């Protein structure tokens, strides 16, 4: 597949305003885990892809050295690089946007406020606040590492799920609500019900997307689609390139492109 086939269109949505800040809202993001190995061939595919942003973040084995190394390897990406601040020690200062996860269904209050206080107080650059975005996470894969770490109640029913989304959007006024299935393909009926109840909330979805039909289905229900595990599960760089192209085309088709 040639470069034009992979980078022939751009999916990014207009930047929105939130509490006086500019909030970057993309259609497709690729999430890279600093604790997982990725070869140069796959990374080259990602850097040439039509994804609107690369999110650097993870749950297990995260260290300053690993985060810094991955950020250095993706620095040439021509669009947005977002650092997901899941650990205070890894809140590196730089020309990034920062996602600060607030796990709305966490059983441990540390992941609702304390972790963020520790991270923010480390920063010296006053302008970082211009690029700081609180994101309301709802973890729905009970077997995931993030559910174990945060004590998240991933078995909530539909009413509780909608309630958490409404609290995040209306009460806390988070600019983004992230429905995280963490590697597992989620229930699209539930996602549709959330969208129906809070149609104006910018929704992000991540979990188990590997095929074009999945990307198209999710894209019809949310604002931002995130792919992650497929990056590492593809047999090689050629398969990854084909999968990313298919997913980009599927989202473009849903957008009427």
C-alpha atoms as a PDB file:
ATOM      1  CA  UNK A   1       0.000   0.000   0.000  1.00  0.00           C
ATOM      2  CA  UNK A   2       1.460   3.385  -0.929  1.00  0.00           C
ATOM      3  CA  UNK A   3       1.703   6.418   1.321  1.00  0.00           C
ATOM      4  CA  UNK A   4      -1.176   8.228  -0.396  1.00  0.00           C
ATOM      5  CA  UNK A   5      -3.529   5.368   0.335  1.00  0.00           C
ATOM      6  CA  UNK A   6      -2.709   5.601   4.002  1.00  0.00           C
ATOM      7  CA  UNK A   7      -2.690   9.368   4.409  1.00  0.00           C
ATOM      8  CA  UNK A   8      -5.161  10.561   1.829  1.00  0.00           C
ATOM      9  CA  UNK A   9      -7.657  12.206   4.155  1.00  0.00           C
ATOM     10  CA  UNK A  10      -7.904  13.798   7.548  1.00  0.00           C
ATOM     11  CA  UNK A  11     -10.561  12.909  10.097  1.00  0.00           C
ATOM     12  CA  UNK A  12     -10.096  15.561  12.741  1.00  0.00           C
ATOM     13  CA  UNK A  13     -13.165  17.401  14.012  1.00  0.00           C
ATOM     14  CA  UNK A  14     -13.176  21.138  14.731  1.00  0.00           C
ATOM     15  CA  UNK A  15     -11.531  22.218  17.977  1.00  0.00           C
ATOM     16  CA  UNK A  16     -14.172  23.022  20.594  1.00  0.00           C
ATOM     17  CA  UNK A  17     -14.091  25.435  23.494  1.00  0.00           C
ATOM     18  CA  UNK A  18     -14.454  24.224  27.081  1.00  0.00           C
ATOM     19  CA  UNK A  19     -14.276  26.556  30.079  1.00  0.00           C
ATOM     20  CA  UNK A  20     -12.190  28.953  28.002  1.00  0.00           C
ATOM     21  CA  UNK A  21      -9.794  26.248  26.799  1.00  0.00           C
ATOM     22  CA  UNK A  22      -9.452  24.843  23.303  1.00  0.00           C
ATOM     23  CA  UNK A  23     -10.339  21.155  23.360  1.00  0.00           C
ATOM     24  CA  UNK A  24      -8.989  18.979  20.585  1.00  0.00           C
ATOM     25  CA  UNK A  25     -11.651  16.487  19.506  1.00  0.00           C
ATOM     26  CA  UNK A  26     -10.438  13.930  16.979  1.00  0.00           C
ATOM     27  CA  UNK A  27     -12.183  11.157  15.101  1.00  0.00           C
ATOM     28  CA  UNK A  28      -9.375   8.609  15.323  1.00  0.00           C
ATOM     29  CA  UNK A  29      -6.657   8.248  17.929  1.00  0.00           C
ATOM     30  CA  UNK A  30      -3.986   5.587  18.335  1.00  0.00           C
ATOM     31  CA  UNK A  31      -3.027   4.689  21.885  1.00  0.00           C
ATOM     32  CA  UNK A  32       0.519   3.521  22.549  1.00  0.00           C
ATOM     33  CA  UNK A  33       1.562   1.915  25.818  1.00  0.00           C
ATOM     34  CA  UNK A  34       5.046   2.828  27.105  1.00  0.00           C
ATOM     35  CA  UNK A  35       5.274  -0.606  28.748  1.00  0.00           C
ATOM     36  CA  UNK A  36       4.776  -2.520  25.482  1.00  0.00           C
ATOM     37  CA  UNK A  37       7.416  -3.097  22.839  1.00  0.00           C
ATOM     38  CA  UNK A  38       6.812  -1.768  19.345  1.00  0.00           C
ATOM     39  CA  UNK A  39       9.227  -2.188  16.453  1.00  0.00           C
ATOM     40  CA  UNK A  40      10.314   0.583  14.112  1.00  0.00           C
ATOM     41  CA  UNK A  41       8.322  -0.796  11.173  1.00  0.00           C
ATOM     42  CA  UNK A  42       5.014  -0.615  13.054  1.00  0.00           C
ATOM     43  CA  UNK A  43       5.876   2.768  14.470  1.00  0.00           C
ATOM     44  CA  UNK A  44       6.594   4.075  10.979  1.00  0.00           C
ATOM     45  CA  UNK A  45       3.133   2.925   9.869  1.00  0.00           C
ATOM     46  CA  UNK A  46       1.578   4.821  12.774  1.00  0.00           C
ATOM     47  CA  UNK A  47       3.564   7.988  12.120  1.00  0.00           C
ATOM     48  CA  UNK A  48       2.452   7.961   8.462  1.00  0.00           C
ATOM     49  CA  UNK A  49      -1.131   7.073   9.259  1.00  0.00           C
ATOM     50  CA  UNK A  50      -4.125   9.344   9.078  1.00  0.00           C
ATOM     51  CA  UNK A  51      -4.805   9.174  12.803  1.00  0.00           C
ATOM     52  CA  UNK A  52      -5.512  12.573  14.290  1.00  0.00           C
ATOM     53  CA  UNK A  53      -3.592  11.954  17.490  1.00  0.00           C
ATOM     54  CA  UNK A  54      -1.302   9.576  19.305  1.00  0.00           C
ATOM     55  CA  UNK A  55      -2.123   9.015  22.968  1.00  0.00           C
ATOM     56  CA  UNK A  56       0.808   7.872  25.101  1.00  0.00           C
ATOM     57  CA  UNK A  57      -0.340   6.141  28.259  1.00  0.00           C
ATOM     58  CA  UNK A  58      -0.952   2.890  30.071  1.00  0.00           C
ATOM     59  CA  UNK A  59      -1.661   1.216  33.383  1.00  0.00           C
ATOM     60  CA  UNK A  60       1.112  -1.210  34.249  1.00  0.00           C
ATOM     61  CA  UNK A  61       4.879  -0.847  34.380  1.00  0.00           C
ATOM     62  CA  UNK A  62       4.851   2.863  33.587  1.00  0.00           C
ATOM     63  CA  UNK A  63       8.115   4.667  34.338  1.00  0.00           C
ATOM     64  CA  UNK A  64       9.571   8.041  33.470  1.00  0.00           C
ATOM     65  CA  UNK A  65      12.197   6.390  31.285  1.00  0.00           C
ATOM     66  CA  UNK A  66       9.661   4.398  29.266  1.00  0.00           C
ATOM     67  CA  UNK A  67       7.383   7.389  28.750  1.00  0.00           C
ATOM     68  CA  UNK A  68      10.256   9.654  27.742  1.00  0.00           C
ATOM     69  CA  UNK A  69      11.599   7.050  25.313  1.00  0.00           C
ATOM     70  CA  UNK A  70       8.247   6.583  23.586  1.00  0.00           C
ATOM     71  CA  UNK A  71       7.597  10.317  23.377  1.00  0.00           C
ATOM     72  CA  UNK A  72      10.985  10.756  21.727  1.00  0.00           C
ATOM     73  CA  UNK A  73      10.179   8.052  19.173  1.00  0.00           C
ATOM     74  CA  UNK A  74       6.860   9.650  18.167  1.00  0.00           C
ATOM     75  CA  UNK A  75       7.958  13.299  18.296  1.00  0.00           C
ATOM     76  CA  UNK A  76       7.957  13.562  14.488  1.00  0.00           C
ATOM     77  CA  UNK A  77       4.221  12.805  14.297  1.00  0.00           C
ATOM     78  CA  UNK A  78       2.728  15.738  12.404  1.00  0.00           C
ATOM     79  CA  UNK A  79      -0.498  16.029  14.379  1.00  0.00           C
ATOM     80  CA  UNK A  80      -1.406  15.878  18.060  1.00  0.00           C
ATOM     81  CA  UNK A  81       0.520  13.995  20.739  1.00  0.00           C
ATOM     82  CA  UNK A  82      -1.420  13.512  23.960  1.00  0.00           C
ATOM     83  CA  UNK A  83       0.127  12.364  27.227  1.00  0.00           C
ATOM     84  CA  UNK A  84      -2.291  10.414  29.416  1.00  0.00           C
ATOM     85  CA  UNK A  85      -1.295  11.251  32.980  1.00  0.00           C
ATOM     86  CA  UNK A  86      -1.870   8.011  34.884  1.00  0.00           C
ATOM     87  CA  UNK A  87       1.090   8.398  37.227  1.00  0.00           C
ATOM     88  CA  UNK A  88       2.447  11.547  38.833  1.00  0.00           C
ATOM     89  CA  UNK A  89       6.058  10.591  38.190  1.00  0.00           C
ATOM     90  CA  UNK A  90       5.404  10.450  34.450  1.00  0.00           C
ATOM     91  CA  UNK A  91       3.810  13.866  34.078  1.00  0.00           C
ATOM     92  CA  UNK A  92       6.590  15.108  31.812  1.00  0.00           C
ATOM     93  CA  UNK A  93       6.518  18.698  30.658  1.00  0.00           C
ATOM     94  CA  UNK A  94       6.564  19.274  26.924  1.00  0.00           C
ATOM     95  CA  UNK A  95       4.589  20.511  23.899  1.00  0.00           C
ATOM     96  CA  UNK A  96       1.779  18.014  24.432  1.00  0.00           C
ATOM     97  CA  UNK A  97      -1.839  18.009  25.378  1.00  0.00           C
ATOM     98  CA  UNK A  98      -2.482  16.277  28.672  1.00  0.00           C
ATOM     99  CA  UNK A  99      -5.363  13.950  29.420  1.00  0.00           C
ATOM    100  CA  UNK A 100      -5.999  13.634  33.144  1.00  0.00           C
ATOM    101  CA  UNK A 101      -8.183  10.549  33.717  1.00  0.00           C
ATOM    102  CA  UNK A 102     -10.856  10.785  36.400  1.00  0.00           C
ATOM    103  CA  UNK A 103     -12.275   7.274  36.797  1.00  0.00           C
ATOM    104  CA  UNK A 104     -15.914   7.960  37.592  1.00  0.00           C
ATOM    105  CA  UNK A 105     -16.681   4.391  38.669  1.00  0.00           C
ATOM    106  CA  UNK A 106     -13.484   3.920  40.669  1.00  0.00           C
ATOM    107  CA  UNK A 107     -13.791   2.187  44.017  1.00  0.00           C
ATOM    108  CA  UNK A 108     -10.588   3.849  45.216  1.00  0.00           C
ATOM    109  CA  UNK A 109     -10.963   7.643  45.633  1.00  0.00           C
ATOM    110  CA  UNK A 110      -7.259   8.012  44.865  1.00  0.00           C
ATOM    111  CA  UNK A 111      -8.189   7.733  41.179  1.00  0.00           C
ATOM    112  CA  UNK A 112     -10.871  10.392  41.437  1.00  0.00           C
ATOM    113  CA  UNK A 113      -8.802  13.235  42.878  1.00  0.00           C
ATOM    114  CA  UNK A 114      -5.600  12.359  44.773  1.00  0.00           C
ATOM    115  CA  UNK A 115      -3.546  11.079  41.835  1.00  0.00           C
ATOM    116  CA  UNK A 116      -4.288  14.242  39.899  1.00  0.00           C
ATOM    117  CA  UNK A 117      -3.289  16.539  42.746  1.00  0.00           C
ATOM    118  CA  UNK A 118       0.064  14.774  42.955  1.00  0.00           C
ATOM    119  CA  UNK A 119       0.638  15.130  39.230  1.00  0.00           C
ATOM    120  CA  UNK A 120      -0.359  18.759  38.854  1.00  0.00           C
ATOM    121  CA  UNK A 121       1.716  20.006  41.767  1.00  0.00           C
ATOM    122  CA  UNK A 122       4.872  18.682  40.050  1.00  0.00           C
ATOM    123  CA  UNK A 123       4.498  20.939  37.040  1.00  0.00           C
ATOM    124  CA  UNK A 124       6.437  24.195  36.967  1.00  0.00           C
ATOM    125  CA  UNK A 125       5.289  25.551  33.596  1.00  0.00           C
ATOM    126  CA  UNK A 126       2.212  27.761  34.205  1.00  0.00           C
ATOM    127  CA  UNK A 127       1.154  27.407  30.567  1.00  0.00           C
ATOM    128  CA  UNK A 128       0.524  23.672  30.930  1.00  0.00           C
ATOM    129  CA  UNK A 129      -2.939  24.485  32.239  1.00  0.00           C
ATOM    130  CA  UNK A 130      -3.810  25.694  28.735  1.00  0.00           C
ATOM    131  CA  UNK A 131      -3.286  22.135  27.490  1.00  0.00           C
ATOM    132  CA  UNK A 132      -4.724  20.241  30.443  1.00  0.00           C
ATOM    133  CA  UNK A 133      -7.911  18.268  29.761  1.00  0.00           C
ATOM    134  CA  UNK A 134      -9.798  16.366  32.472  1.00  0.00           C
ATOM    135  CA  UNK A 135     -11.420  13.260  31.016  1.00  0.00           C
ATOM    136  CA  UNK A 136     -14.164  11.306  32.744  1.00  0.00           C
ATOM    137  CA  UNK A 137     -13.312   7.616  32.343  1.00  0.00           C
ATOM    138  CA  UNK A 138     -15.852   4.846  32.851  1.00  0.00           C
ATOM    139  CA  UNK A 139     -14.163   1.442  32.943  1.00  0.00           C
ATOM    140  CA  UNK A 140     -16.411  -1.396  31.750  1.00  0.00           C
ATOM    141  CA  UNK A 141     -14.043  -4.358  31.416  1.00  0.00           C
ATOM    142  CA  UNK A 142     -13.969  -6.039  34.821  1.00  0.00           C
ATOM    143  CA  UNK A 143     -10.959  -8.155  33.820  1.00  0.00           C
ATOM    144  CA  UNK A 144      -8.768  -5.245  32.753  1.00  0.00           C
ATOM    145  CA  UNK A 145      -5.671  -4.013  34.536  1.00  0.00           C
ATOM    146  CA  UNK A 146      -7.175  -0.551  34.946  1.00  0.00           C
ATOM    147  CA  UNK A 147     -10.259  -1.994  36.660  1.00  0.00           C
ATOM    148  CA  UNK A 148      -8.049  -3.897  39.086  1.00  0.00           C
ATOM    149  CA  UNK A 149      -5.849  -0.877  39.770  1.00  0.00           C
ATOM    150  CA  UNK A 150      -8.685   1.576  40.393  1.00  0.00           C
ATOM    151  CA  UNK A 151     -11.146  -0.832  41.994  1.00  0.00           C
ATOM    152  CA  UNK A 152     -13.646   0.157  39.317  1.00  0.00           C
ATOM    153  CA  UNK A 153     -17.138  -1.302  39.491  1.00  0.00           C
ATOM    154  CA  UNK A 154     -17.305  -2.427  35.875  1.00  0.00           C
ATOM    155  CA  UNK A 155     -20.558  -4.365  36.368  1.00  0.00           C
ATOM    156  CA  UNK A 156     -22.814  -1.331  36.697  1.00  0.00           C
ATOM    157  CA  UNK A 157     -26.231  -1.462  35.045  1.00  0.00           C
ATOM    158  CA  UNK A 158     -27.474   0.853  32.312  1.00  0.00           C
ATOM    159  CA  UNK A 159     -29.039   3.399  34.652  1.00  0.00           C
ATOM    160  CA  UNK A 160     -25.869   3.680  36.718  1.00  0.00           C
ATOM    161  CA  UNK A 161     -23.824   4.010  33.542  1.00  0.00           C
ATOM    162  CA  UNK A 162     -25.993   6.795  32.166  1.00  0.00           C
ATOM    163  CA  UNK A 163     -25.947   8.458  35.582  1.00  0.00           C
ATOM    164  CA  UNK A 164     -22.150   8.494  35.650  1.00  0.00           C
ATOM    165  CA  UNK A 165     -22.053   9.987  32.161  1.00  0.00           C
ATOM    166  CA  UNK A 166     -24.502  12.681  33.202  1.00  0.00           C
ATOM    167  CA  UNK A 167     -22.553  13.480  36.374  1.00  0.00           C
ATOM    168  CA  UNK A 168     -19.340  13.751  34.377  1.00  0.00           C
ATOM    169  CA  UNK A 169     -20.890  15.900  31.671  1.00  0.00           C
ATOM    170  CA  UNK A 170     -23.381  18.102  33.534  1.00  0.00           C
ATOM    171  CA  UNK A 171     -22.021  18.298  37.094  1.00  0.00           C
ATOM    172  CA  UNK A 172     -18.243  18.040  36.705  1.00  0.00           C
ATOM    173  CA  UNK A 173     -18.442  19.488  33.181  1.00  0.00           C
ATOM    174  CA  UNK A 174     -15.739  17.232  31.802  1.00  0.00           C
ATOM    175  CA  UNK A 175     -15.177  18.041  28.131  1.00  0.00           C
ATOM    176  CA  UNK A 176     -14.803  14.336  27.280  1.00  0.00           C
ATOM    177  CA  UNK A 177     -16.398  11.139  28.581  1.00  0.00           C
ATOM    178  CA  UNK A 178     -14.343   8.045  27.785  1.00  0.00           C
ATOM    179  CA  UNK A 179     -16.180   4.718  27.651  1.00  0.00           C
ATOM    180  CA  UNK A 180     -13.282   2.325  28.176  1.00  0.00           C
ATOM    181  CA  UNK A 181     -13.604  -1.386  27.517  1.00  0.00           C
ATOM    182  CA  UNK A 182      -9.815  -1.744  27.589  1.00  0.00           C
ATOM    183  CA  UNK A 183      -9.149  -4.276  24.832  1.00  0.00           C
ATOM    184  CA  UNK A 184     -12.595  -5.887  24.927  1.00  0.00           C
ATOM    185  CA  UNK A 185     -15.288  -5.256  22.321  1.00  0.00           C
ATOM    186  CA  UNK A 186     -18.088  -3.463  24.150  1.00  0.00           C
ATOM    187  CA  UNK A 187     -21.864  -3.541  23.988  1.00  0.00           C
ATOM    188  CA  UNK A 188     -22.997  -1.231  21.208  1.00  0.00           C
ATOM    189  CA  UNK A 189     -26.595  -1.271  22.443  1.00  0.00           C
ATOM    190  CA  UNK A 190     -25.434   0.254  25.712  1.00  0.00           C
ATOM    191  CA  UNK A 191     -23.366   2.809  23.836  1.00  0.00           C
ATOM    192  CA  UNK A 192     -26.398   3.761  21.761  1.00  0.00           C
ATOM    193  CA  UNK A 193     -28.475   4.232  24.911  1.00  0.00           C
ATOM    194  CA  UNK A 194     -25.840   6.531  26.387  1.00  0.00           C
ATOM    195  CA  UNK A 195     -25.771   8.594  23.207  1.00  0.00           C
ATOM    196  CA  UNK A 196     -29.552   8.799  23.243  1.00  0.00           C
ATOM    197  CA  UNK A 197     -29.647  10.110  26.802  1.00  0.00           C
ATOM    198  CA  UNK A 198     -26.837  12.671  26.478  1.00  0.00           C
ATOM    199  CA  UNK A 199     -26.647  13.430  22.747  1.00  0.00           C
ATOM    200  CA  UNK A 200     -24.538  16.567  23.182  1.00  0.00           C
ATOM    201  CA  UNK A 201     -21.765  15.027  25.305  1.00  0.00           C
ATOM    202  CA  UNK A 202     -18.483  14.400  23.447  1.00  0.00           C
ATOM    203  CA  UNK A 203     -18.007  10.637  23.820  1.00  0.00           C
ATOM    204  CA  UNK A 204     -14.778   8.697  23.383  1.00  0.00           C
ATOM    205  CA  UNK A 205     -14.739   4.917  22.927  1.00  0.00           C
ATOM    206  CA  UNK A 206     -11.878   2.455  23.206  1.00  0.00           C
ATOM    207  CA  UNK A 207     -12.007  -1.324  23.265  1.00  0.00           C
ATOM    208  CA  UNK A 208     -11.568  -4.253  20.910  1.00  0.00           C
ATOM    209  CA  UNK A 209     -11.660  -2.426  17.573  1.00  0.00           C
ATOM    210  CA  UNK A 210      -9.834  -4.490  14.961  1.00  0.00           C
ATOM    211  CA  UNK A 211     -12.131  -4.483  11.920  1.00  0.00           C
ATOM    212  CA  UNK A 212     -13.667  -1.852   9.688  1.00  0.00           C
ATOM    213  CA  UNK A 213     -17.251  -2.748  10.604  1.00  0.00           C
ATOM    214  CA  UNK A 214     -16.433  -2.227  14.272  1.00  0.00           C
ATOM    215  CA  UNK A 215     -14.925   1.185  13.608  1.00  0.00           C
ATOM    216  CA  UNK A 216     -17.931   2.178  11.492  1.00  0.00           C
ATOM    217  CA  UNK A 217     -20.379   1.050  14.175  1.00  0.00           C
ATOM    218  CA  UNK A 218     -18.572   2.901  16.956  1.00  0.00           C
ATOM    219  CA  UNK A 219     -18.040   6.027  14.847  1.00  0.00           C
ATOM    220  CA  UNK A 220     -21.793   6.317  14.346  1.00  0.00           C
ATOM    221  CA  UNK A 221     -22.261   6.573  18.129  1.00  0.00           C
ATOM    222  CA  UNK A 222     -19.280   8.529  19.458  1.00  0.00           C
ATOM    223  CA  UNK A 223     -17.118  11.498  18.592  1.00  0.00           C
ATOM    224  CA  UNK A 224     -13.724   9.852  18.994  1.00  0.00           C
ATOM    225  CA  UNK A 225     -12.583   6.293  18.243  1.00  0.00           C
ATOM    226  CA  UNK A 226      -9.445   4.916  19.912  1.00  0.00           C
ATOM    227  CA  UNK A 227      -7.508   1.856  18.770  1.00  0.00           C
ATOM    228  CA  UNK A 228      -4.732   0.336  20.821  1.00  0.00           C
ATOM    229  CA  UNK A 229      -4.312  -3.414  21.204  1.00  0.00           C
ATOM    230  CA  UNK A 230      -4.545  -4.047  17.469  1.00  0.00           C
ATOM    231  CA  UNK A 231      -1.289  -2.125  17.047  1.00  0.00           C
ATOM    232  CA  UNK A 232       0.541  -4.846  18.929  1.00  0.00           C
ATOM    233  CA  UNK A 233      -1.572  -7.814  17.818  1.00  0.00           C
ATOM    234  CA  UNK A 234      -1.143  -7.375  14.063  1.00  0.00           C
ATOM    235  CA  UNK A 235       1.136 -10.029  12.584  1.00  0.00           C
ATOM    236  CA  UNK A 236       3.457  -7.464  11.059  1.00  0.00           C
ATOM    237  CA  UNK A 237       3.678  -3.877   9.837  1.00  0.00           C
ATOM    238  CA  UNK A 238       1.990  -4.689   6.521  1.00  0.00           C
ATOM    239  CA  UNK A 239      -1.051  -6.153   8.250  1.00  0.00           C
ATOM    240  CA  UNK A 240      -1.180  -3.183  10.612  1.00  0.00           C
ATOM    241  CA  UNK A 241      -1.062  -0.757   7.692  1.00  0.00           C
ATOM    242  CA  UNK A 242      -3.934  -2.563   6.004  1.00  0.00           C
ATOM    243  CA  UNK A 243      -6.004  -2.611   9.197  1.00  0.00           C
ATOM    244  CA  UNK A 244      -5.474   1.080   9.889  1.00  0.00           C
ATOM    245  CA  UNK A 245      -6.374   1.963   6.320  1.00  0.00           C
ATOM    246  CA  UNK A 246      -9.580  -0.072   6.577  1.00  0.00           C
ATOM    247  CA  UNK A 247     -10.509   1.564   9.872  1.00  0.00           C
ATOM    248  CA  UNK A 248      -9.838   5.070   8.527  1.00  0.00           C
ATOM    249  CA  UNK A 249     -11.953   4.353   5.461  1.00  0.00           C
ATOM    250  CA  UNK A 250     -14.768   2.977   7.622  1.00  0.00           C
ATOM    251  CA  UNK A 251     -14.867   6.108   9.764  1.00  0.00           C
ATOM    252  CA  UNK A 252     -14.701   8.314   6.691  1.00  0.00           C
ATOM    253  CA  UNK A 253     -17.637   6.410   5.186  1.00  0.00           C
ATOM    254  CA  UNK A 254     -19.659   6.963   8.357  1.00  0.00           C
ATOM    255  CA  UNK A 255     -18.847  10.677   8.135  1.00  0.00           C
ATOM    256  CA  UNK A 256     -20.187  10.743   4.591  1.00  0.00           C
ATOM    257  CA  UNK A 257     -16.781  10.943   2.958  1.00  0.00           C
END
